[in-house]
Protein backbone atom coordinates (compact mmCIF):
# COMPACT_ATOMS: atom_id res chain seq x y z
CA MET A 1 15.94 -65.38 15.76
CA SER A 2 19.32 -64.38 16.68
CA GLY A 3 20.84 -64.68 13.07
CA VAL A 4 17.62 -62.31 11.82
CA ASN A 5 18.76 -59.86 13.96
CA ASP A 6 22.29 -59.91 13.60
CA ASP A 7 21.89 -59.62 9.52
CA ALA A 8 19.43 -56.63 9.86
CA ARG A 9 21.94 -54.91 12.16
CA GLN A 10 24.51 -55.78 9.57
CA ARG A 11 22.60 -54.26 6.78
CA LEU A 12 22.09 -51.13 9.16
CA VAL A 13 25.47 -50.73 10.21
CA ALA A 14 26.90 -50.87 6.40
CA ASN A 15 24.13 -48.48 5.39
CA GLU A 16 25.47 -46.14 8.29
CA ARG A 17 28.97 -46.28 7.02
CA ILE A 18 27.99 -45.67 3.72
CA LYS A 19 25.86 -42.71 4.18
CA PHE A 20 28.72 -41.09 6.92
CA THR A 21 31.48 -41.74 4.07
CA ALA A 22 29.08 -40.01 1.31
CA THR A 23 28.13 -37.19 3.73
CA TYR A 24 32.01 -36.61 4.42
CA ALA A 25 33.10 -36.63 0.66
CA ASN A 26 30.11 -34.30 -0.20
CA GLY A 27 30.81 -31.87 2.46
CA ILE A 28 34.41 -32.12 0.93
CA GLY A 29 33.23 -31.34 -3.09
CA VAL A 30 30.79 -28.31 -1.46
CA ALA A 31 34.07 -27.03 -0.03
CA ILE A 32 36.12 -27.46 -3.31
CA PHE A 33 33.46 -25.43 -4.85
CA ALA A 34 33.00 -23.03 -2.76
CA VAL A 35 36.86 -22.21 -2.05
CA GLY A 36 37.95 -22.93 -5.53
CA GLY A 37 35.15 -22.30 -7.64
CA PHE A 38 32.78 -19.44 -6.10
CA ALA A 39 35.46 -17.39 -3.62
CA PRO A 40 38.02 -16.33 -6.67
CA LEU A 41 35.19 -15.37 -8.76
CA ILE A 42 34.27 -13.13 -5.71
CA SER A 43 37.43 -11.80 -5.50
CA THR A 44 38.00 -11.47 -8.99
CA VAL A 45 35.32 -8.99 -9.54
CA LEU A 46 35.72 -7.00 -6.45
CA SER A 47 39.60 -6.82 -7.33
CA ASP A 48 40.71 -3.19 -8.45
CA GLN A 49 42.90 -4.95 -11.55
CA PRO A 50 40.66 -8.06 -12.14
CA HIS A 51 42.32 -11.35 -14.38
CA PHE A 52 39.61 -13.41 -15.42
CA ALA A 53 41.77 -15.90 -17.76
CA PRO A 54 43.41 -17.80 -14.98
CA VAL A 55 40.52 -17.30 -12.50
CA ILE A 56 38.49 -18.92 -14.94
CA PHE A 57 40.48 -21.82 -15.54
CA ILE A 58 41.02 -22.28 -12.03
CA MET A 59 37.01 -21.99 -11.57
CA ALA A 60 36.38 -24.48 -14.02
CA VAL A 61 38.45 -27.17 -12.86
CA CYS A 62 37.13 -26.87 -9.14
CA TRP A 63 33.46 -27.07 -10.52
CA ILE A 64 34.50 -30.07 -12.73
CA ILE A 65 36.12 -32.06 -9.48
CA SER A 66 33.50 -30.98 -7.48
CA GLY A 67 30.60 -32.08 -9.68
CA ALA A 68 32.80 -35.43 -9.98
CA ILE A 69 32.71 -35.84 -6.38
CA HIS A 70 29.31 -35.48 -6.35
CA LEU A 71 28.52 -38.10 -8.79
CA THR A 72 30.50 -40.16 -7.04
CA VAL A 73 28.74 -40.02 -3.52
CA ARG A 74 25.49 -40.53 -5.71
CA ASN A 75 26.56 -43.99 -7.00
CA ALA A 76 28.11 -45.03 -3.55
CA LEU A 77 24.37 -44.50 -2.19
CA ARG A 78 23.26 -47.06 -4.59
CA ASP A 79 25.19 -49.20 -2.63
CA LEU A 80 22.55 -48.85 0.44
CA ARG A 81 20.97 -52.32 1.16
CA SER A 82 17.17 -52.71 2.10
């Protein structure tokens, strides 16, 4: 009987670790999007002398990185065990 409870507990602990790591990584992805992909756009639009070319490149890179992190996190959640 103890073996069954230990197995269930181990699955629960493993799932919670995966979810915790996924939440942390997704937070990093959101921060990269907000700071590098959205804030420069607002700053450039509100600037007296906007320079769109470098800002668009930086934004695109941050959007790609943020998306890659998000997709990686989604794949990690597939490892959840029932």
